[in-house]
Amino acid sequence: MELNTLTAISPIDGRYRRKVAELAPYFSEFGLIRYRVLIEIEYLITLSTSGISPMAAFPKDKFEDLRAVYKNFTEEDALEIKTTERTTNHDVKAVEYFVKDRLEKMGLSQYLEFVHFGLTSQDINNTSVPKSLKDALTDVYLPLLDKLLNKLSTLKTEWKDVSMLAKTHGQPASPTRLGKEIQVFEERLQIQKKQLEAVPFSAKFGGATGNLNAHHVAFPDHDWVAFANHFVNDVLELQRSQTTTQIEHYDNLAALFDVLKRINTIILDLDRDMWTYISMEYFKQKLKEGEIGSSAMPHKVNPIDFENSEGNLGLANALYEHLSAKLPVSRLQRDLTDSTVLRNIGVPIAHSVLAIQATLTGLDKLLLNQSAFEKDLEDNWAVVAEAIQTVLRREGFPKPYEALKGLTRKNEKTTQESVHQFIDTLNVSDEIKSELKQITPQNYTGVQLVK
């Protein structure tokens, strides 16, 4: 079979390809190769300005021609590198030869051996991967997360005055407002977004085993630590890990995956709440022409978007869990287990993107069913018991909790009438009785937290 969206093994590259195609430039094999070329070229340019004598005459007017190699990188270029790899049996060495070939074509043959000078493969990989990850999160993931946050902000304002019955342990509880319940998720996501943005994109860059051995032996008087810090921190806009083995220790990458997992968990919590509200008929869903909810039951409009999101979030989190647990662990100065795992970091991000897209679609379909909110409140007058007993406590009434428990735990239903009859029996002033009778399930909603 030829590889296409129908024959792809992973749904990411099959069924859902069009929804996550914007991630391909960052996480595909093409993307990885392009980022490796970027690192090699920017390293060569930075090396040419480092002050070492063999690079002093490197023509600065060639810098942009060199950058054009990765800026205009094509699939044909990537295939050329893959063809070379079949001979070298080494993916990074194939990139080195590609860059050297382009240098020769620019008339810069005397500088060929300063391509990949003093480096090991992981100096390229452990800068390429965090660079591509940073760009993907900045260009694709964070704008999508902001879109979800903006949607929640709109809904919390739109629904800020909608009173609703809360459910704790699945039982009727003190009323709340729908807007505030939406704000809970918005606030949680905002906090985690700040934590996500605070995690550095760490990169290893220090030669074969992290000590800049080759650089130092060739030019022992040069400050190679300062050079490496400048290259990684200033040129690549990453954060160089100062003391490493042959590979990045990935602690910050693990922290990044952990916070992405927490964001997903919050969205999953939102999905399940929305699903439940739909099942309670708090929301209807907008109908789409031609769309079918069930192949057997014509009346059904299933909450498929929230369910799709939940499934993708579960897959993403399982992978984030493995990534954050595995990557920081390597035998002695390195083993190859990180290499295999790192090639899959785009997969959980793709599932996360799919999930957020689905949640947004689900939220866009919601139609508020005001009558269901009102009916639930009216059917649960027992929830004002907390309010009544609290006012009675204020007034020094003896054992108010016990008195209200006797009212609300009778076998018959608690209604407005039974509550008011109970209030009339209390040994309190008429003014207090009047105050108590003003409390309803609709207005006992606490402080307005949505501004």
Protein backbone atom coordinates (compact mmCIF):
# COMPACT_ATOMS: atom_id res chain seq x y z
CA MET A 1 0.00 0.00 0.00
CA GLU A 2 1.07 3.56 -0.69
CA LEU A 3 1.11 5.75 2.40
CA ASN A 4 -1.79 8.20 2.49
CA THR A 5 -4.47 9.29 4.95
CA LEU A 6 -6.39 6.04 4.34
CA THR A 7 -3.45 3.68 4.78
CA ALA A 8 -1.64 5.44 7.63
CA ILE A 9 -1.38 3.31 10.76
CA SER A 10 -1.74 6.25 13.14
CA PRO A 11 -5.01 8.23 13.06
CA ILE A 12 -2.86 11.33 13.57
CA ASP A 13 -1.50 10.90 10.04
CA GLY A 14 -4.69 9.33 8.75
CA ARG A 15 -8.20 10.24 9.83
CA TYR A 16 -7.15 13.42 11.66
CA ARG A 17 -4.32 14.54 9.37
CA ARG A 18 -6.04 17.69 8.11
CA LYS A 19 -6.76 18.81 11.67
CA VAL A 20 -3.16 18.56 12.83
CA ALA A 21 -1.26 19.16 9.58
CA GLU A 22 0.10 22.45 10.94
CA LEU A 23 2.22 20.43 13.38
CA ALA A 24 4.03 18.57 10.57
CA PRO A 25 6.72 21.26 10.01
CA TYR A 26 7.80 20.80 13.63
CA PHE A 27 7.45 17.09 14.40
CA SER A 28 7.65 15.17 11.12
CA GLU A 29 10.84 13.55 9.86
CA PHE A 30 11.05 16.46 7.42
CA GLY A 31 10.73 18.90 10.31
CA LEU A 32 13.45 17.21 12.37
CA ILE A 33 15.84 17.20 9.43
CA ARG A 34 15.15 20.87 8.69
CA TYR A 35 15.79 21.85 12.32
CA ARG A 36 19.06 19.91 12.27
CA VAL A 37 20.12 21.85 9.16
CA LEU A 38 19.16 25.08 10.93
CA ILE A 39 21.32 24.20 13.94
CA GLU A 40 24.34 23.23 11.82
CA ILE A 41 24.17 26.44 9.80
CA GLU A 42 23.60 28.76 12.75
CA TYR A 43 26.46 27.03 14.56
CA LEU A 44 28.79 27.60 11.62
CA ILE A 45 27.77 31.27 11.41
CA THR A 46 28.28 31.74 15.16
CA LEU A 47 31.61 29.93 14.99
CA SER A 48 32.71 32.31 12.23
CA THR A 49 32.23 35.26 14.59
CA SER A 50 33.82 33.56 17.61
CA GLY A 51 37.33 34.95 17.06
CA ILE A 52 39.14 31.69 16.31
CA SER A 53 41.75 32.40 13.64
CA PRO A 54 40.78 29.86 10.92
CA MET A 55 37.30 31.43 10.69
CA ALA A 56 38.39 35.07 10.79
CA ALA A 57 38.05 35.59 7.05
CA PHE A 58 34.66 33.87 6.69
CA PRO A 59 32.61 36.22 4.46
CA LYS A 60 29.75 37.76 6.41
CA ASP A 61 27.91 38.52 3.19
CA LYS A 62 27.31 34.77 2.86
CA PHE A 63 25.34 34.54 6.12
CA GLU A 64 21.92 35.10 4.55
CA ASP A 65 22.72 32.74 1.67
CA LEU A 66 23.48 30.10 4.27
CA ARG A 67 20.29 30.82 6.20
CA ALA A 68 18.31 30.52 2.99
CA VAL A 69 19.29 26.83 2.93
CA TYR A 70 17.06 26.08 5.93
CA LYS A 71 14.55 28.86 5.37
CA ASN A 72 13.79 27.53 1.88
CA PHE A 73 14.28 23.87 2.79
CA THR A 74 12.24 21.55 0.57
CA GLU A 75 11.08 17.95 0.61
CA GLU A 76 13.60 17.31 -2.17
CA ASP A 77 16.35 18.55 0.16
CA ALA A 78 15.13 16.22 2.89
CA LEU A 79 15.04 13.28 0.45
CA GLU A 80 18.61 14.08 -0.58
CA ILE A 81 19.66 13.80 3.06
CA LYS A 82 17.71 10.55 3.50
CA THR A 83 19.46 9.13 0.43
CA THR A 84 22.84 9.99 1.96
CA GLU A 85 21.73 8.40 5.22
CA ARG A 86 21.29 5.06 3.45
CA THR A 87 25.06 5.12 2.88
CA THR A 88 26.20 6.68 6.16
CA ASN A 89 23.66 4.82 8.28
CA HIS A 90 23.79 7.95 10.45
CA ASP A 91 21.10 10.60 10.22
CA VAL A 92 23.05 13.56 11.66
CA LYS A 93 26.16 12.78 9.58
CA ALA A 94 23.96 12.90 6.49
CA VAL A 95 22.88 16.42 7.49
CA GLU A 96 26.53 17.42 7.94
CA TYR A 97 27.34 16.24 4.41
CA PHE A 98 24.34 18.13 3.04
CA VAL A 99 25.50 21.39 4.63
CA LYS A 100 29.05 20.83 3.39
CA ASP A 101 27.72 20.32 -0.13
CA ARG A 102 25.85 23.63 0.01
CA LEU A 103 28.98 25.32 1.35
CA GLU A 104 31.00 24.00 -1.58
CA LYS A 105 28.41 25.32 -4.02
CA MET A 106 28.81 28.77 -2.44
CA GLY A 107 32.57 28.68 -2.96
CA LEU A 108 33.36 28.20 0.72
CA SER A 109 35.26 24.90 0.49
CA GLN A 110 38.04 26.07 2.82
CA TYR A 111 35.56 26.08 5.71
CA LEU A 112 34.08 22.59 5.18
CA GLU A 113 35.72 21.04 8.24
CA PHE A 114 34.22 23.67 10.51
CA VAL A 115 30.77 22.30 9.77
CA HIS A 116 29.90 20.21 12.86
CA PHE A 117 33.29 21.20 14.33
CA GLY A 118 33.89 19.59 17.75
CA LEU A 119 30.30 18.40 18.00
CA THR A 120 28.54 15.12 18.67
CA SER A 121 25.15 14.19 17.25
CA GLN A 122 23.39 15.04 20.48
CA ASP A 123 24.60 18.65 20.28
CA ILE A 124 22.44 18.83 17.16
CA ASN A 125 19.55 16.69 18.39
CA ASN A 126 19.36 18.23 21.85
CA THR A 127 19.07 21.69 20.34
CA SER A 128 16.87 20.75 17.36
CA VAL A 129 14.22 19.06 19.48
CA PRO A 130 13.68 21.83 22.06
CA LYS A 131 13.83 24.43 19.27
CA SER A 132 11.11 22.67 17.27
CA LEU A 133 9.07 22.05 20.41
CA LYS A 134 9.28 25.70 21.46
CA ASP A 135 8.25 26.86 17.99
CA ALA A 136 5.33 24.41 17.83
CA LEU A 137 3.98 25.44 21.22
CA THR A 138 4.40 29.13 20.37
CA ASP A 139 2.96 28.95 16.87
CA VAL A 140 0.24 26.30 17.22
CA TYR A 141 -0.53 25.07 20.73
CA LEU A 142 -0.62 28.28 22.77
CA PRO A 143 -2.82 30.20 20.28
CA LEU A 144 -5.27 27.29 20.38
CA LEU A 145 -5.22 27.20 24.18
CA ASP A 146 -5.83 30.96 24.19
CA LYS A 147 -8.81 30.39 21.91
CA LEU A 148 -10.27 27.99 24.47
CA LEU A 149 -9.56 30.46 27.29
CA ASN A 150 -11.27 33.25 25.33
CA LYS A 151 -14.29 31.02 24.72
CA LEU A 152 -14.56 30.22 28.42
CA SER A 153 -14.22 33.92 29.25
CA THR A 154 -17.08 34.75 26.88
CA LEU A 155 -19.31 32.02 28.30
CA LYS A 156 -18.65 32.90 31.93
CA THR A 157 -19.75 36.48 31.24
CA GLU A 158 -22.74 35.41 29.17
CA TRP A 159 -23.90 33.01 31.88
CA LYS A 160 -22.79 34.92 34.98
CA ASP A 161 -26.37 35.48 36.25
CA VAL A 162 -27.71 31.99 35.48
CA SER A 163 -28.54 30.37 38.81
CA MET A 164 -28.07 26.62 38.94
CA LEU A 165 -28.32 23.79 41.41
CA ALA A 166 -24.88 22.55 42.43
CA LYS A 167 -24.24 18.85 42.85
CA THR A 168 -21.76 17.56 45.41
CA HIS A 169 -21.40 13.78 45.68
CA GLY A 170 -24.10 13.71 42.99
CA GLN A 171 -26.61 15.20 45.45
CA PRO A 172 -28.32 18.62 45.39
CA ALA A 173 -26.13 21.22 47.11
CA SER A 174 -26.04 24.96 47.72
CA PRO A 175 -26.89 26.76 44.47
CA THR A 176 -24.21 28.40 42.35
CA ARG A 177 -24.05 30.35 39.11
CA LEU A 178 -23.24 28.78 35.77
CA GLY A 179 -20.81 31.57 34.86
CA LYS A 180 -18.82 31.02 38.02
CA GLU A 181 -18.57 27.29 37.30
CA ILE A 182 -17.12 28.10 33.88
CA GLN A 183 -14.75 30.60 35.50
CA VAL A 184 -13.37 27.77 37.66
CA PHE A 185 -12.02 26.07 34.54
CA GLU A 186 -10.78 29.29 32.99
CA GLU A 187 -8.85 30.18 36.14
CA ARG A 188 -7.35 26.71 36.48
CA LEU A 189 -6.17 26.77 32.88
CA GLN A 190 -4.74 30.28 33.21
CA ILE A 191 -2.65 29.19 36.19
CA GLN A 192 -1.30 26.15 34.34
CA LYS A 193 -0.61 28.21 31.22
CA LYS A 194 1.62 30.51 33.29
CA GLN A 195 3.46 27.47 34.63
CA LEU A 196 3.86 26.14 31.09
CA GLU A 197 5.32 29.43 29.89
CA ALA A 198 7.73 29.46 32.84
CA VAL A 199 9.37 26.13 31.96
CA PRO A 200 12.69 26.74 30.15
CA PHE A 201 13.42 24.99 26.86
CA SER A 202 16.68 23.47 27.96
CA ALA A 203 19.33 22.28 25.53
CA LYS A 204 22.54 20.30 25.80
CA PHE A 205 25.50 21.67 23.86
CA GLY A 206 28.91 20.56 25.09
CA GLY A 207 30.60 18.05 22.81
CA ALA A 208 30.97 14.29 23.09
CA THR A 209 30.46 13.95 26.85
CA GLY A 210 29.51 17.47 27.85
CA ASN A 211 32.98 18.91 28.57
CA LEU A 212 33.68 20.63 25.22
CA ASN A 213 36.72 18.35 24.96
CA ALA A 214 37.32 18.72 21.21
CA HIS A 215 36.83 22.47 21.24
CA HIS A 216 39.22 22.88 24.15
CA VAL A 217 41.98 20.67 22.74
CA ALA A 218 41.91 22.56 19.41
CA PHE A 219 41.76 26.07 20.89
CA PRO A 220 42.67 25.79 24.60
CA ASP A 221 42.76 29.56 25.18
CA HIS A 222 39.24 30.17 23.91
CA ASP A 223 36.30 30.52 26.33
CA TRP A 224 34.15 27.78 24.90
CA VAL A 225 31.62 27.81 27.74
CA ALA A 226 30.85 31.45 26.99
CA PHE A 227 30.63 30.60 23.28
CA ALA A 228 28.25 27.69 23.90
CA ASN A 229 26.06 29.80 26.19
CA HIS A 230 25.89 32.58 23.60
CA PHE A 231 25.01 30.16 20.81
CA VAL A 232 22.25 28.34 22.70
CA ASN A 233 20.86 31.19 24.80
CA ASP A 234 21.14 34.14 22.42
CA VAL A 235 21.21 32.70 18.90
CA LEU A 236 18.79 29.78 19.36
CA GLU A 237 16.84 31.45 22.19
CA LEU A 238 16.90 28.30 24.30
CA GLN A 239 18.51 27.76 27.71
CA ARG A 240 21.79 25.88 27.80
CA SER A 241 22.18 23.23 30.49
CA GLN A 242 25.60 23.93 32.02
CA THR A 243 26.66 20.49 33.23
CA THR A 244 25.58 17.44 31.23
CA THR A 245 26.67 14.05 30.00
CA GLN A 246 26.51 13.33 26.26
CA ILE A 247 22.81 14.16 26.31
CA GLU A 248 20.43 16.68 27.83
CA HIS A 249 19.13 15.43 31.17
CA TYR A 250 15.57 16.38 30.12
CA ASP A 251 14.40 17.45 33.56
CA ASN A 252 12.78 20.60 32.21
CA LEU A 253 11.32 18.68 29.30
CA ALA A 254 9.73 16.35 31.84
CA ALA A 255 8.34 19.40 33.68
CA LEU A 256 6.92 20.66 30.39
CA PHE A 257 5.16 17.38 29.68
CA ASP A 258 3.84 17.27 33.24
CA VAL A 259 2.23 20.70 32.93
CA LEU A 260 0.79 19.81 29.51
CA LYS A 261 -0.69 16.75 31.20
CA ARG A 262 -2.25 18.91 33.92
CA ILE A 263 -3.75 21.21 31.30
CA ASN A 264 -5.24 18.17 29.59
CA THR A 265 -6.62 16.88 32.88
CA ILE A 266 -8.42 20.19 33.47
CA ILE A 267 -9.89 20.12 29.96
CA LEU A 268 -10.96 16.50 30.53
CA ASP A 269 -12.72 17.60 33.73
CA LEU A 270 -14.50 20.32 31.73
CA ASP A 271 -15.49 17.80 29.04
CA ARG A 272 -17.05 15.46 31.59
CA ASP A 273 -18.97 18.27 33.27
CA MET A 274 -20.33 19.50 29.94
CA TRP A 275 -21.24 15.94 28.97
CA THR A 276 -23.11 15.55 32.26
CA TYR A 277 -24.92 18.88 31.91
CA ILE A 278 -26.08 17.80 28.45
CA SER A 279 -27.35 14.51 29.90
CA MET A 280 -29.24 16.55 32.54
CA GLU A 281 -30.73 18.63 29.69
CA TYR A 282 -29.16 21.82 31.03
CA PHE A 283 -27.97 22.25 27.47
CA LYS A 284 -29.36 21.36 24.10
CA GLN A 285 -26.99 21.11 21.14
CA LYS A 286 -27.12 22.99 17.87
CA LEU A 287 -28.07 20.72 15.01
CA LYS A 288 -25.94 20.48 11.90
CA GLU A 289 -27.68 19.83 8.61
CA GLY A 290 -27.21 16.20 7.58
CA GLU A 291 -25.49 15.15 10.80
CA ILE A 292 -26.60 11.87 12.41
CA GLY A 293 -26.39 11.23 16.13
CA SER A 294 -27.18 7.51 16.12
CA SER A 295 -27.41 4.98 13.30
CA ALA A 296 -30.40 3.39 15.05
CA MET A 297 -32.13 6.11 17.11
CA PRO A 298 -33.14 9.14 15.04
CA HIS A 299 -33.89 11.33 18.07
CA LYS A 300 -30.34 11.29 19.44
CA VAL A 301 -27.86 14.16 19.28
CA ASN A 302 -24.80 12.71 20.98
CA PRO A 303 -22.22 14.87 22.81
CA ILE A 304 -19.55 13.42 20.52
CA ASP A 305 -17.21 16.42 20.61
CA PHE A 306 -16.67 16.22 24.36
CA GLU A 307 -16.30 12.44 24.10
CA ASN A 308 -13.78 12.77 21.25
CA SER A 309 -11.84 15.30 23.28
CA GLU A 310 -11.80 13.05 26.33
CA GLY A 311 -10.44 10.13 24.33
CA ASN A 312 -7.67 12.19 22.79
CA LEU A 313 -6.75 13.69 26.16
CA GLY A 314 -6.40 10.22 27.65
CA LEU A 315 -4.06 9.12 24.86
CA ALA A 316 -2.00 12.30 25.13
CA ASN A 317 -1.65 12.01 28.89
CA ALA A 318 -0.54 8.39 28.73
CA LEU A 319 2.26 9.46 26.39
CA TYR A 320 3.16 12.56 28.43
CA GLU A 321 3.38 10.31 31.48
CA HIS A 322 5.84 8.00 29.75
CA LEU A 323 7.89 10.87 28.32
CA SER A 324 8.28 12.64 31.65
CA ALA A 325 9.14 9.42 33.47
CA LYS A 326 11.53 7.95 30.89
CA LEU A 327 13.49 10.85 29.41
CA PRO A 328 15.40 11.97 32.55
CA VAL A 329 16.77 8.42 32.99
CA SER A 330 19.83 7.29 30.99
CA ARG A 331 22.54 4.74 31.74
CA LEU A 332 25.87 6.36 32.66
CA GLN A 333 26.82 9.08 30.16
CA ARG A 334 24.10 8.02 27.71
CA ASP A 335 22.10 5.26 26.13
CA LEU A 336 19.91 5.42 23.03
CA THR A 337 16.50 5.01 24.64
CA ASP A 338 15.89 8.77 24.58
CA SER A 339 16.37 8.90 20.81
CA THR A 340 13.44 6.60 20.06
CA VAL A 341 11.18 8.32 22.55
CA LEU A 342 11.99 11.88 21.41
CA ARG A 343 10.78 11.09 17.90
CA ASN A 344 7.27 10.72 19.33
CA ILE A 345 6.87 13.99 21.21
CA GLY A 346 4.67 15.38 18.45
CA VAL A 347 2.13 12.59 18.96
CA PRO A 348 0.74 13.66 22.37
CA ILE A 349 0.83 17.29 21.27
CA ALA A 350 -1.23 16.35 18.21
CA HIS A 351 -3.74 14.49 20.40
CA SER A 352 -3.86 17.53 22.70
CA VAL A 353 -4.53 19.83 19.75
CA LEU A 354 -7.30 17.52 18.52
CA ALA A 355 -8.82 17.50 22.00
CA ILE A 356 -8.87 21.29 22.36
CA GLN A 357 -10.37 21.63 18.88
CA ALA A 358 -13.10 19.15 19.81
CA THR A 359 -13.84 20.87 23.13
CA LEU A 360 -14.19 24.20 21.31
CA THR A 361 -16.57 22.63 18.81
CA GLY A 362 -18.62 21.16 21.64
CA LEU A 363 -18.80 24.49 23.49
CA ASP A 364 -19.86 26.25 20.29
CA LYS A 365 -22.81 23.84 19.95
CA LEU A 366 -24.25 24.46 23.42
CA LEU A 367 -27.70 25.99 23.72
CA LEU A 368 -28.74 27.03 27.23
CA ASN A 369 -31.95 25.31 28.37
CA GLN A 370 -33.04 27.85 31.00
CA SER A 371 -36.18 25.94 31.96
CA ALA A 372 -34.14 22.91 33.07
CA PHE A 373 -32.04 25.07 35.40
CA GLU A 374 -35.15 26.66 36.88
CA LYS A 375 -36.98 23.36 37.31
CA ASP A 376 -34.04 21.77 39.16
CA LEU A 377 -33.85 24.71 41.54
CA GLU A 378 -37.58 24.75 42.18
CA ASP A 379 -37.60 21.01 42.82
CA ASN A 380 -34.91 21.31 45.50
CA TRP A 381 -36.03 23.78 48.14
CA ALA A 382 -34.13 21.70 50.70
CA VAL A 383 -30.92 23.49 49.62
CA VAL A 384 -31.98 26.69 51.39
CA ALA A 385 -31.68 24.85 54.72
CA GLU A 386 -28.03 25.84 54.94
CA ALA A 387 -28.96 29.51 54.53
CA ILE A 388 -31.73 29.36 57.14
CA GLN A 389 -29.65 27.59 59.75
CA THR A 390 -26.74 29.99 59.22
CA VAL A 391 -28.97 33.03 59.83
CA LEU A 392 -30.39 31.29 62.91
CA ARG A 393 -26.84 30.70 64.19
CA ARG A 394 -26.22 34.41 63.78
CA GLU A 395 -29.27 35.10 65.92
CA GLY A 396 -28.23 32.66 68.66
CA PHE A 397 -31.08 30.22 67.93
CA PRO A 398 -30.44 26.90 69.75
CA LYS A 399 -29.40 23.92 67.60
CA PRO A 400 -30.46 25.32 64.21
CA TYR A 401 -28.67 22.59 62.22
CA GLU A 402 -30.62 19.89 64.01
CA ALA A 403 -33.88 21.76 63.50
CA LEU A 404 -33.31 22.06 59.73
CA LYS A 405 -32.19 18.45 59.47
CA GLY A 406 -35.56 17.43 60.84
CA LEU A 407 -37.30 19.48 58.16
CA THR A 408 -35.26 18.38 55.14
CA ARG A 409 -34.83 14.69 55.92
CA LYS A 410 -38.51 13.85 56.11
CA ASN A 411 -39.76 11.39 53.52
CA GLU A 412 -41.95 14.02 51.86
CA LYS A 413 -40.51 16.53 49.41
CA THR A 414 -39.30 19.87 50.73
CA THR A 415 -41.16 22.72 49.00
CA GLN A 416 -41.43 26.48 49.31
CA GLU A 417 -44.64 25.96 51.25
CA SER A 418 -43.12 23.50 53.75
CA VAL A 419 -40.07 25.74 54.25
CA HIS A 420 -42.23 28.79 54.95
CA GLN A 421 -44.46 26.78 57.30
CA PHE A 422 -41.32 25.73 59.16
CA ILE A 423 -40.12 29.34 59.37
CA ASP A 424 -43.49 30.37 60.86
CA THR A 425 -42.94 27.90 63.76
CA LEU A 426 -39.58 29.41 64.74
CA ASN A 427 -39.26 31.42 67.92
CA VAL A 428 -37.73 34.44 66.19
CA SER A 429 -38.95 37.93 65.37
CA ASP A 430 -41.23 38.66 62.43
CA GLU A 431 -38.36 40.65 60.91
CA ILE A 432 -36.13 37.55 60.92
CA LYS A 433 -38.95 35.40 59.57
CA SER A 434 -39.41 37.86 56.72
CA GLU A 435 -35.67 37.79 56.02
CA LEU A 436 -35.67 34.00 55.93
CA LYS A 437 -38.64 33.88 53.56
CA GLN A 438 -36.75 36.02 51.04
CA ILE A 439 -34.22 33.22 50.57
CA THR A 440 -34.94 31.02 47.54
CA PRO A 441 -32.94 28.40 45.61
CA GLN A 442 -32.73 30.95 42.80
CA ASN A 443 -31.13 33.76 44.84
CA TYR A 444 -29.08 31.77 47.36
CA THR A 445 -26.03 31.83 45.09
CA GLY A 446 -23.41 33.59 47.19
CA VAL A 447 -21.01 36.27 46.10
CA GLN A 448 -20.93 37.22 42.40
CA LEU A 449 -17.42 36.12 41.43
CA VAL A 450 -17.65 36.82 37.71
CA LYS A 451 -16.89 40.48 37.12
